[in-house]
Amino acid sequence: MKITGTIVFPDPESRRSAARILQALSPDNLRSMESEISDARVCVRFHSEKIGSLLATVDDFLMNVKIGEGVEEALEKGDKVRQN
């Protein structure tokens, strides 16, 4: 049995941030995941034969996204400091 899950980034601000992070993470994409980045939506689909594998993949992905968000926030803070 194939198990699937999808994460969608719905609002415009999260789409912009998610698109940048997904592009940065794309070299790590597994065969069990696909990402779609467009003006209308940003989403990531995961699929696996085992629920444990699916959950581990999603967990790893979300941890990488969290790190990407932290890097993005740090860069924004650095830009604000340099502008002042």
Protein backbone atom coordinates (compact mmCIF):
# COMPACT_ATOMS: atom_id res chain seq x y z
CA MET A 1 0.00 0.00 0.00
CA LYS A 2 1.30 3.45 -0.89
CA ILE A 3 0.96 6.15 1.79
CA THR A 4 1.09 9.81 0.75
CA GLY A 5 1.15 13.15 2.50
CA THR A 6 1.27 16.74 1.31
CA ILE A 7 2.44 19.94 2.96
CA VAL A 8 1.05 23.11 1.38
CA PHE A 9 2.25 26.64 2.15
CA PRO A 10 -0.96 28.64 1.63
CA ASP A 11 -0.38 32.33 2.31
CA PRO A 12 1.80 34.55 0.07
CA GLU A 13 4.48 35.26 2.71
CA SER A 14 4.94 31.59 3.58
CA ARG A 15 5.01 30.72 -0.14
CA ARG A 16 7.90 33.13 -0.80
CA SER A 17 9.88 31.86 2.17
CA ALA A 18 9.05 28.21 1.44
CA ALA A 19 10.02 28.58 -2.23
CA ARG A 20 13.46 29.93 -1.30
CA ILE A 21 14.00 27.21 1.29
CA LEU A 22 12.76 24.42 -1.01
CA GLN A 23 15.13 25.53 -3.74
CA ALA A 24 18.01 25.46 -1.27
CA LEU A 25 16.98 22.01 -0.01
CA SER A 26 16.34 20.48 -3.44
CA PRO A 27 19.73 18.70 -3.67
CA ASP A 28 18.63 16.63 -0.65
CA ASN A 29 15.26 15.64 -2.11
CA LEU A 30 14.64 11.92 -1.97
CA ARG A 31 12.92 9.85 -4.63
CA SER A 32 10.00 9.61 -2.20
CA MET A 33 9.22 13.33 -2.39
CA GLU A 34 8.37 15.94 -5.00
CA SER A 35 8.07 19.67 -4.62
CA GLU A 36 6.02 22.10 -6.68
CA ILE A 37 6.85 25.79 -6.70
CA SER A 38 4.64 28.21 -8.64
CA ASP A 39 3.11 31.64 -8.16
CA ALA A 40 -0.13 30.01 -7.05
CA ARG A 41 1.21 27.38 -4.66
CA VAL A 42 4.14 25.79 -2.97
CA CYS A 43 3.73 22.22 -1.83
CA VAL A 44 5.73 19.11 -1.06
CA ARG A 45 4.37 15.59 -1.58
CA PHE A 46 5.78 12.60 0.25
CA HIS A 47 5.09 8.94 -0.47
CA SER A 48 6.24 5.65 1.00
CA GLU A 49 5.22 2.07 1.49
CA LYS A 50 5.71 2.33 5.27
CA ILE A 51 4.21 4.91 7.62
CA GLY A 52 7.41 5.01 9.69
CA SER A 53 9.51 5.88 6.65
CA LEU A 54 7.03 8.57 5.62
CA LEU A 55 7.03 10.11 9.09
CA ALA A 56 10.84 10.05 9.27
CA THR A 57 11.11 11.77 5.88
CA VAL A 58 8.58 14.44 6.84
CA ASP A 59 10.34 14.96 10.19
CA ASP A 60 13.73 15.41 8.49
CA PHE A 61 12.21 17.76 5.93
CA LEU A 62 10.51 19.91 8.57
CA MET A 63 13.71 20.12 10.60
CA ASN A 64 15.59 21.32 7.50
CA VAL A 65 12.86 23.89 6.80
CA LYS A 66 13.10 25.13 10.39
CA ILE A 67 16.87 25.56 10.00
CA GLY A 68 16.31 27.35 6.69
CA GLU A 69 13.86 29.73 8.34
CA GLY A 70 16.41 30.44 11.07
CA VAL A 71 19.10 31.22 8.49
CA GLU A 72 16.69 33.46 6.59
CA GLU A 73 15.77 35.37 9.78
CA ALA A 74 19.44 35.78 10.73
CA LEU A 75 20.25 37.13 7.27
CA GLU A 76 17.35 39.60 7.47
CA LYS A 77 18.54 40.81 10.89
CA GLY A 78 22.07 41.20 9.52
CA ASP A 79 20.77 43.27 6.60
CA LYS A 80 18.88 45.56 8.99
CA VAL A 81 21.99 46.05 11.16
CA ARG A 82 24.13 46.91 8.11
CA GLN A 83 21.53 49.40 6.86
CA ASN A 84 21.58 51.30 10.17
